[in-house]
Amino acid sequence: METKGAIDILKRVRHDFGNYLQVILGYIDLQRPEQARDYILGLVEDLASERIVFDNLEGEAALYFYQQLLMARDLGIILKYKKLGPISWSVLQGNNEPFSTLESLSRKFPVMEDDQVVDLSLYDTGDGVKMLFEWQQPEPGQWELFLRS
């Protein structure tokens, strides 16, 4: 990933962090410490689920998959990587995956009050990458896609 792409990710993270702090300050100003605490605990849980990207992948791949996670948020989808290990990620990058599939799937989800949570497992099959998308709301479902390298 080029420097501009990394800087764009950092700008996005910085912006999101500022928004999180504003929400927390809002709860404090409204004297709702329990809601502030619950919000912080939710953020900690989200950060822990994103950690898989940085623990399991090398630099450029980690940035790519984190960027995909941020792009999914723009669709109203919370992407959670369940299995993400050494894979031939260039085939995914060439097809803008998993974002392209999430964009298609987002049209099938009804508008909900909360963001749609989608779990994603990626498997290297030797001749490509298998992606398994799973969700629980509004009803359990899954979608599997194979990309040949």
N, C-alpha and C. Protein backbone atom coordinates (compact mmCIF):
# COMPACT_ATOMS: atom_id res chain seq x y z
N MET A 1 0.85 -1.17 0.00
CA MET A 1 0.00 0.00 0.00
C MET A 1 0.89 1.23 0.00
N GLU A 2 0.53 2.19 -0.79
CA GLU A 2 1.31 3.42 -0.88
C GLU A 2 1.12 4.28 0.37
N THR A 3 1.99 5.26 0.53
CA THR A 3 1.94 6.13 1.70
C THR A 3 0.61 6.86 1.81
N LYS A 4 0.05 7.31 0.69
CA LYS A 4 -1.22 8.03 0.71
C LYS A 4 -2.32 7.15 1.29
N GLY A 5 -2.35 5.88 0.91
CA GLY A 5 -3.35 4.97 1.44
C GLY A 5 -3.23 4.79 2.94
N ALA A 6 -1.99 4.66 3.43
CA ALA A 6 -1.76 4.52 4.87
C ALA A 6 -2.18 5.79 5.60
N ILE A 7 -1.89 6.95 5.01
CA ILE A 7 -2.28 8.22 5.63
C ILE A 7 -3.79 8.35 5.67
N ASP A 8 -4.48 7.92 4.62
CA ASP A 8 -5.95 7.96 4.61
C ASP A 8 -6.52 7.11 5.74
N ILE A 9 -5.93 5.94 5.97
CA ILE A 9 -6.39 5.08 7.06
C ILE A 9 -6.17 5.78 8.40
N LEU A 10 -5.00 6.38 8.58
CA LEU A 10 -4.71 7.07 9.84
C LEU A 10 -5.67 8.24 10.06
N LYS A 11 -5.99 8.98 9.01
CA LYS A 11 -6.95 10.08 9.13
C LYS A 11 -8.31 9.56 9.58
N ARG A 12 -8.72 8.46 8.98
CA ARG A 12 -10.01 7.87 9.32
C ARG A 12 -10.04 7.41 10.78
N VAL A 13 -8.98 6.74 11.22
CA VAL A 13 -8.92 6.26 12.60
C VAL A 13 -8.93 7.45 13.57
N ARG A 14 -8.19 8.48 13.24
CA ARG A 14 -8.13 9.68 14.09
C ARG A 14 -9.51 10.33 14.17
N HIS A 15 -10.21 10.43 13.06
CA HIS A 15 -11.56 11.00 13.02
C HIS A 15 -12.51 10.17 13.88
N ASP A 16 -12.48 8.84 13.71
CA ASP A 16 -13.35 7.96 14.49
C ASP A 16 -13.06 8.08 15.98
N PHE A 17 -11.77 8.16 16.34
CA PHE A 17 -11.38 8.29 17.74
C PHE A 17 -11.97 9.57 18.35
N GLY A 18 -11.90 10.65 17.61
CA GLY A 18 -12.49 11.90 18.07
C GLY A 18 -14.00 11.77 18.28
N ASN A 19 -14.67 11.08 17.36
CA ASN A 19 -16.11 10.86 17.51
C ASN A 19 -16.42 10.04 18.77
N TYR A 20 -15.62 9.01 19.02
CA TYR A 20 -15.84 8.18 20.21
C TYR A 20 -15.71 9.02 21.48
N LEU A 21 -14.69 9.88 21.51
CA LEU A 21 -14.50 10.73 22.69
C LEU A 21 -15.67 11.69 22.88
N GLN A 22 -16.22 12.21 21.78
CA GLN A 22 -17.36 13.11 21.88
C GLN A 22 -18.58 12.41 22.47
N VAL A 23 -18.80 11.17 22.06
CA VAL A 23 -19.93 10.41 22.61
C VAL A 23 -19.73 10.19 24.10
N ILE A 24 -18.53 9.80 24.50
CA ILE A 24 -18.25 9.58 25.92
C ILE A 24 -18.44 10.86 26.72
N LEU A 25 -17.93 11.98 26.20
CA LEU A 25 -18.12 13.27 26.88
C LEU A 25 -19.60 13.63 26.97
N GLY A 26 -20.35 13.30 25.94
CA GLY A 26 -21.79 13.56 25.96
C GLY A 26 -22.48 12.80 27.09
N TYR A 27 -22.14 11.53 27.24
CA TYR A 27 -22.72 10.75 28.34
C TYR A 27 -22.31 11.33 29.70
N ILE A 28 -21.07 11.75 29.82
CA ILE A 28 -20.60 12.33 31.08
C ILE A 28 -21.34 13.64 31.36
N ASP A 29 -21.47 14.50 30.34
CA ASP A 29 -22.19 15.77 30.52
C ASP A 29 -23.65 15.54 30.91
N LEU A 30 -24.24 14.47 30.42
CA LEU A 30 -25.63 14.15 30.75
C LEU A 30 -25.74 13.38 32.07
N GLN A 31 -24.59 13.22 32.72
CA GLN A 31 -24.52 12.48 33.99
C GLN A 31 -25.06 11.06 33.84
N ARG A 32 -24.58 10.39 32.80
CA ARG A 32 -24.95 8.99 32.54
C ARG A 32 -23.69 8.13 32.49
N PRO A 33 -23.04 7.99 33.64
CA PRO A 33 -21.77 7.26 33.67
C PRO A 33 -21.90 5.79 33.26
N GLU A 34 -23.03 5.16 33.54
CA GLU A 34 -23.19 3.75 33.16
C GLU A 34 -23.23 3.60 31.64
N GLN A 35 -23.89 4.53 30.95
CA GLN A 35 -23.92 4.48 29.49
C GLN A 35 -22.54 4.76 28.91
N ALA A 36 -21.80 5.68 29.54
CA ALA A 36 -20.43 5.95 29.10
C ALA A 36 -19.58 4.70 29.26
N ARG A 37 -19.73 4.04 30.41
CA ARG A 37 -18.97 2.81 30.67
C ARG A 37 -19.32 1.72 29.66
N ASP A 38 -20.61 1.52 29.40
CA ASP A 38 -21.04 0.51 28.43
C ASP A 38 -20.49 0.81 27.04
N TYR A 39 -20.51 2.09 26.67
CA TYR A 39 -19.98 2.51 25.38
C TYR A 39 -18.49 2.20 25.28
N ILE A 40 -17.75 2.52 26.34
CA ILE A 40 -16.30 2.25 26.36
C ILE A 40 -16.05 0.74 26.27
N LEU A 41 -16.82 -0.05 27.01
CA LEU A 41 -16.66 -1.51 26.95
C LEU A 41 -16.93 -2.04 25.53
N GLY A 42 -17.91 -1.46 24.86
CA GLY A 42 -18.19 -1.85 23.46
C GLY A 42 -17.02 -1.51 22.55
N LEU A 43 -16.42 -0.35 22.76
CA LEU A 43 -15.25 0.04 21.96
C LEU A 43 -14.08 -0.91 22.21
N VAL A 44 -13.87 -1.27 23.47
CA VAL A 44 -12.77 -2.20 23.81
C VAL A 44 -13.00 -3.54 23.13
N GLU A 45 -14.24 -4.01 23.13
CA GLU A 45 -14.58 -5.28 22.46
C GLU A 45 -14.31 -5.19 20.96
N ASP A 46 -14.71 -4.08 20.35
CA ASP A 46 -14.48 -3.89 18.91
C ASP A 46 -12.98 -3.88 18.59
N LEU A 47 -12.21 -3.17 19.41
CA LEU A 47 -10.76 -3.11 19.20
C LEU A 47 -10.13 -4.49 19.32
N ALA A 48 -10.61 -5.27 20.28
CA ALA A 48 -10.07 -6.62 20.46
C ALA A 48 -10.37 -7.49 19.24
N SER A 49 -11.56 -7.33 18.65
CA SER A 49 -11.90 -8.15 17.49
C SER A 49 -11.10 -7.72 16.25
N GLU A 50 -10.68 -6.45 16.19
CA GLU A 50 -9.88 -5.97 15.05
C GLU A 50 -8.41 -6.39 15.18
N ARG A 51 -8.01 -6.76 16.36
CA ARG A 51 -6.60 -7.10 16.62
C ARG A 51 -6.09 -8.25 15.75
N ILE A 52 -6.98 -9.15 15.35
CA ILE A 52 -6.59 -10.29 14.53
C ILE A 52 -5.86 -9.85 13.26
N VAL A 53 -6.25 -8.69 12.73
CA VAL A 53 -5.63 -8.18 11.51
C VAL A 53 -4.14 -7.92 11.73
N PHE A 54 -3.82 -7.31 12.85
CA PHE A 54 -2.44 -6.92 13.10
C PHE A 54 -1.61 -8.03 13.73
N ASP A 55 -2.26 -8.98 14.37
CA ASP A 55 -1.55 -10.10 14.98
C ASP A 55 -1.19 -11.19 13.97
N ASN A 56 -1.98 -11.32 12.91
CA ASN A 56 -1.82 -12.46 12.00
C ASN A 56 -1.24 -12.12 10.63
N LEU A 57 -1.13 -10.84 10.30
CA LEU A 57 -0.71 -10.46 8.96
C LEU A 57 0.48 -9.51 9.01
N GLU A 58 1.27 -9.53 7.96
CA GLU A 58 2.38 -8.60 7.82
C GLU A 58 1.87 -7.25 7.35
N GLY A 59 2.70 -6.23 7.50
CA GLY A 59 2.39 -4.83 7.24
C GLY A 59 1.38 -4.49 6.16
N GLU A 60 1.75 -4.70 4.91
CA GLU A 60 0.90 -4.26 3.81
C GLU A 60 -0.43 -5.00 3.78
N ALA A 61 -0.40 -6.29 4.07
CA ALA A 61 -1.65 -7.07 4.12
C ALA A 61 -2.53 -6.58 5.26
N ALA A 62 -1.94 -6.30 6.42
CA ALA A 62 -2.71 -5.82 7.57
C ALA A 62 -3.39 -4.50 7.23
N LEU A 63 -2.67 -3.59 6.59
CA LEU A 63 -3.27 -2.31 6.20
C LEU A 63 -4.42 -2.51 5.22
N TYR A 64 -4.24 -3.44 4.26
CA TYR A 64 -5.29 -3.70 3.28
C TYR A 64 -6.56 -4.21 3.97
N PHE A 65 -6.41 -5.20 4.85
CA PHE A 65 -7.59 -5.78 5.50
C PHE A 65 -8.23 -4.83 6.49
N TYR A 66 -7.44 -3.97 7.11
CA TYR A 66 -8.02 -2.96 7.99
C TYR A 66 -8.80 -1.93 7.17
N GLN A 67 -8.27 -1.56 6.03
CA GLN A 67 -8.97 -0.63 5.14
C GLN A 67 -10.30 -1.24 4.69
N GLN A 68 -10.31 -2.53 4.40
CA GLN A 68 -11.55 -3.21 4.01
C GLN A 68 -12.57 -3.16 5.15
N LEU A 69 -12.10 -3.31 6.36
CA LEU A 69 -12.95 -3.24 7.55
C LEU A 69 -13.58 -1.85 7.66
N LEU A 70 -12.78 -0.80 7.44
CA LEU A 70 -13.29 0.57 7.50
C LEU A 70 -14.30 0.84 6.38
N MET A 71 -14.02 0.33 5.20
CA MET A 71 -14.94 0.52 4.08
C MET A 71 -16.28 -0.18 4.34
N ALA A 72 -16.23 -1.33 5.00
CA ALA A 72 -17.45 -2.05 5.34
C ALA A 72 -18.31 -1.21 6.29
N ARG A 73 -17.66 -0.51 7.23
CA ARG A 73 -18.41 0.36 8.15
C ARG A 73 -19.20 1.42 7.41
N ASP A 74 -18.65 1.90 6.29
CA ASP A 74 -19.36 2.90 5.49
C ASP A 74 -20.64 2.33 4.89
N LEU A 75 -20.72 1.01 4.78
CA LEU A 75 -21.93 0.35 4.28
C LEU A 75 -22.92 0.04 5.41
N GLY A 76 -22.51 0.33 6.65
CA GLY A 76 -23.35 -0.03 7.80
C GLY A 76 -23.12 -1.47 8.22
N ILE A 77 -21.95 -2.01 7.90
CA ILE A 77 -21.61 -3.39 8.24
C ILE A 77 -20.40 -3.40 9.16
N ILE A 78 -20.54 -4.10 10.28
CA ILE A 78 -19.41 -4.32 11.17
C ILE A 78 -18.79 -5.64 10.74
N LEU A 79 -17.63 -5.57 10.11
CA LEU A 79 -16.93 -6.75 9.63
C LEU A 79 -16.02 -7.27 10.74
N LYS A 80 -16.19 -8.54 11.07
CA LYS A 80 -15.35 -9.17 12.08
C LYS A 80 -14.66 -10.37 11.43
N TYR A 81 -13.34 -10.30 11.37
CA TYR A 81 -12.57 -11.40 10.82
C TYR A 81 -12.50 -12.51 11.86
N LYS A 82 -13.00 -13.68 11.52
CA LYS A 82 -12.96 -14.81 12.44
C LYS A 82 -11.70 -15.64 12.24
N LYS A 83 -11.41 -15.97 10.99
CA LYS A 83 -10.19 -16.70 10.67
C LYS A 83 -9.47 -15.90 9.60
N LEU A 84 -8.26 -15.52 9.93
CA LEU A 84 -7.47 -14.71 9.02
C LEU A 84 -6.02 -15.04 9.27
N GLY A 85 -5.47 -15.83 8.41
CA GLY A 85 -4.08 -16.23 8.56
C GLY A 85 -3.33 -15.96 7.28
N PRO A 86 -2.20 -16.57 7.14
CA PRO A 86 -1.43 -16.39 5.91
C PRO A 86 -2.25 -16.85 4.70
N ILE A 87 -2.56 -15.92 3.83
CA ILE A 87 -3.33 -16.23 2.62
C ILE A 87 -2.74 -15.47 1.45
N SER A 88 -3.11 -15.90 0.25
CA SER A 88 -2.71 -15.21 -0.98
C SER A 88 -3.64 -14.01 -1.14
N TRP A 89 -3.36 -12.94 -0.42
CA TRP A 89 -4.28 -11.82 -0.36
C TRP A 89 -4.27 -10.96 -1.62
N SER A 90 -3.28 -11.12 -2.49
CA SER A 90 -3.24 -10.30 -3.71
C SER A 90 -4.44 -10.57 -4.61
N VAL A 91 -4.95 -11.82 -4.62
CA VAL A 91 -6.13 -12.12 -5.42
C VAL A 91 -7.35 -11.37 -4.85
N LEU A 92 -7.40 -11.21 -3.54
CA LEU A 92 -8.48 -10.44 -2.93
C LEU A 92 -8.34 -8.96 -3.27
N GLN A 93 -7.11 -8.47 -3.18
CA GLN A 93 -6.85 -7.06 -3.48
C GLN A 93 -7.22 -6.75 -4.93
N GLY A 94 -6.90 -7.63 -5.84
CA GLY A 94 -7.22 -7.42 -7.25
C GLY A 94 -8.71 -7.35 -7.53
N ASN A 95 -9.51 -7.92 -6.63
CA ASN A 95 -10.97 -7.92 -6.80
C ASN A 95 -11.68 -7.04 -5.77
N ASN A 96 -10.89 -6.24 -5.01
CA ASN A 96 -11.43 -5.39 -3.95
C ASN A 96 -12.31 -6.18 -2.99
N GLU A 97 -11.83 -7.35 -2.61
CA GLU A 97 -12.55 -8.21 -1.69
C GLU A 97 -11.93 -8.12 -0.30
N PRO A 98 -12.72 -8.23 0.70
CA PRO A 98 -14.12 -8.67 0.77
C PRO A 98 -15.15 -7.57 0.55
N PHE A 99 -14.72 -6.33 0.35
CA PHE A 99 -15.66 -5.21 0.23
C PHE A 99 -16.68 -5.43 -0.89
N SER A 100 -16.25 -5.89 -2.06
CA SER A 100 -17.19 -6.05 -3.18
C SER A 100 -18.34 -6.99 -2.83
N THR A 101 -18.02 -8.08 -2.16
CA THR A 101 -19.07 -9.02 -1.77
C THR A 101 -19.96 -8.41 -0.69
N LEU A 102 -19.36 -7.71 0.26
CA LEU A 102 -20.16 -7.07 1.31
C LEU A 102 -21.10 -6.03 0.72
N GLU A 103 -20.63 -5.32 -0.29
CA GLU A 103 -21.48 -4.32 -0.95
C GLU A 103 -22.70 -4.99 -1.57
N SER A 104 -22.51 -6.13 -2.21
CA SER A 104 -23.63 -6.88 -2.79
C SER A 104 -24.56 -7.42 -1.70
N LEU A 105 -23.96 -7.96 -0.64
CA LEU A 105 -24.77 -8.51 0.45
C LEU A 105 -25.56 -7.43 1.16
N SER A 106 -25.01 -6.22 1.26
CA SER A 106 -25.68 -5.14 2.01
C SER A 106 -27.05 -4.83 1.42
N ARG A 107 -27.23 -5.05 0.16
CA ARG A 107 -28.52 -4.79 -0.48
C ARG A 107 -29.58 -5.79 -0.04
N LYS A 108 -29.13 -6.96 0.44
CA LYS A 108 -30.06 -8.00 0.87
C LYS A 108 -30.49 -7.84 2.32
N PHE A 109 -29.74 -7.05 3.09
CA PHE A 109 -30.06 -6.88 4.49
C PHE A 109 -31.11 -5.77 4.65
N PRO A 110 -32.10 -5.99 5.49
CA PRO A 110 -33.07 -4.91 5.74
C PRO A 110 -32.42 -3.80 6.55
N VAL A 111 -33.01 -2.63 6.48
CA VAL A 111 -32.49 -1.52 7.29
C VAL A 111 -32.77 -1.84 8.75
N MET A 112 -31.71 -1.79 9.56
CA MET A 112 -31.85 -2.12 10.98
C MET A 112 -31.37 -0.93 11.80
N GLU A 113 -31.79 -0.90 13.06
CA GLU A 113 -31.38 0.18 13.95
C GLU A 113 -29.87 0.15 14.18
N ASP A 114 -29.34 -1.04 14.41
CA ASP A 114 -27.90 -1.20 14.62
C ASP A 114 -27.25 -1.66 13.32
N ASP A 115 -25.93 -1.48 13.25
CA ASP A 115 -25.19 -1.95 12.08
C ASP A 115 -25.25 -3.47 11.99
N GLN A 116 -25.23 -3.97 10.78
CA GLN A 116 -25.22 -5.41 10.51
C GLN A 116 -23.84 -5.97 10.85
N VAL A 117 -23.78 -7.04 11.61
CA VAL A 117 -22.51 -7.68 11.93
C VAL A 117 -22.32 -8.87 11.01
N VAL A 118 -21.18 -8.92 10.33
CA VAL A 118 -20.85 -10.03 9.44
C VAL A 118 -19.49 -10.59 9.85
N ASP A 119 -19.46 -11.90 10.11
CA ASP A 119 -18.22 -12.60 10.41
C ASP A 119 -17.63 -13.11 9.10
N LEU A 120 -16.32 -13.03 8.98
CA LEU A 120 -15.65 -13.50 7.76
C LEU A 120 -14.47 -14.38 8.11
N SER A 121 -14.45 -15.55 7.49
CA SER A 121 -13.31 -16.46 7.60
C SER A 121 -12.69 -16.58 6.21
N LEU A 122 -11.37 -16.50 6.14
CA LEU A 122 -10.64 -16.60 4.88
C LEU A 122 -9.72 -17.81 4.94
N TYR A 123 -9.77 -18.62 3.90
CA TYR A 123 -8.96 -19.83 3.84
C TYR A 123 -8.15 -19.87 2.55
N ASP A 124 -6.87 -20.16 2.67
CA ASP A 124 -6.02 -20.35 1.49
C ASP A 124 -6.16 -21.82 1.09
N THR A 125 -6.60 -22.06 -0.13
CA THR A 125 -6.82 -23.43 -0.59
C THR A 125 -5.68 -23.97 -1.44
N GLY A 126 -4.66 -23.18 -1.65
CA GLY A 126 -3.55 -23.59 -2.50
C GLY A 126 -3.70 -23.06 -3.91
N ASP A 127 -4.91 -23.06 -4.44
CA ASP A 127 -5.14 -22.52 -5.79
C ASP A 127 -6.05 -21.29 -5.75
N GLY A 128 -6.25 -20.75 -4.56
CA GLY A 128 -7.08 -19.56 -4.43
C GLY A 128 -7.44 -19.31 -2.97
N VAL A 129 -8.44 -18.46 -2.79
CA VAL A 129 -8.87 -18.09 -1.45
C VAL A 129 -10.38 -18.30 -1.36
N LYS A 130 -10.78 -19.00 -0.29
CA LYS A 130 -12.21 -19.18 -0.01
C LYS A 130 -12.60 -18.18 1.06
N MET A 131 -13.72 -17.49 0.83
CA MET A 131 -14.26 -16.54 1.80
C MET A 131 -15.61 -17.06 2.28
N LEU A 132 -15.78 -17.12 3.59
CA LEU A 132 -17.04 -17.55 4.17
C LEU A 132 -17.59 -16.41 5.03
N PHE A 133 -18.70 -15.82 4.56
CA PHE A 133 -19.38 -14.73 5.27
C PHE A 133 -20.54 -15.34 6.06
N GLU A 134 -20.68 -14.94 7.33
CA GLU A 134 -21.78 -15.44 8.16
C GLU A 134 -22.37 -14.29 8.97
N TRP A 135 -23.69 -14.34 9.20
CA TRP A 135 -24.37 -13.32 9.99
C TRP A 135 -25.53 -13.98 10.74
N GLN A 136 -25.97 -13.30 11.81
CA GLN A 136 -27.05 -13.82 12.66
C GLN A 136 -28.34 -13.02 12.55
N GLN A 137 -28.25 -11.75 12.12
CA GLN A 137 -29.42 -10.89 12.04
C GLN A 137 -29.66 -10.49 10.60
N PRO A 138 -30.84 -10.30 10.13
CA PRO A 138 -32.09 -10.48 10.83
C PRO A 138 -32.43 -11.96 11.06
N GLU A 139 -31.84 -12.82 10.27
CA GLU A 139 -31.92 -14.26 10.51
C GLU A 139 -30.58 -14.85 10.09
N PRO A 140 -30.19 -15.97 10.71
CA PRO A 140 -28.88 -16.55 10.38
C PRO A 140 -28.73 -16.84 8.89
N GLY A 141 -27.54 -16.56 8.38
CA GLY A 141 -27.26 -16.83 6.97
C GLY A 141 -25.77 -16.89 6.72
N GLN A 142 -25.43 -17.35 5.54
CA GLN A 142 -24.03 -17.37 5.14
C GLN A 142 -23.91 -17.31 3.63
N TRP A 143 -22.73 -16.92 3.18
CA TRP A 143 -22.42 -16.80 1.76
C TRP A 143 -20.97 -17.23 1.60
N GLU A 144 -20.72 -18.10 0.64
CA GLU A 144 -19.36 -18.58 0.41
C GLU A 144 -18.95 -18.20 -1.00
N LEU A 145 -17.69 -17.79 -1.14
CA LEU A 145 -17.15 -17.37 -2.42
C LEU A 145 -15.72 -17.86 -2.54
N PHE A 146 -15.36 -18.35 -3.72
CA PHE A 146 -14.00 -18.81 -3.98
C PHE A 146 -13.39 -17.97 -5.09
N LEU A 147 -12.19 -17.45 -4.84
CA LEU A 147 -11.46 -16.69 -5.86
C LEU A 147 -10.19 -17.46 -6.22
N ARG A 148 -10.06 -17.79 -7.47
CA ARG A 148 -8.88 -18.53 -7.94
C ARG A 148 -7.72 -17.57 -8.17
N SER A 149 -6.52 -18.00 -7.73
CA SER A 149 -5.35 -17.13 -7.93
C SER A 149 -4.78 -17.29 -9.31
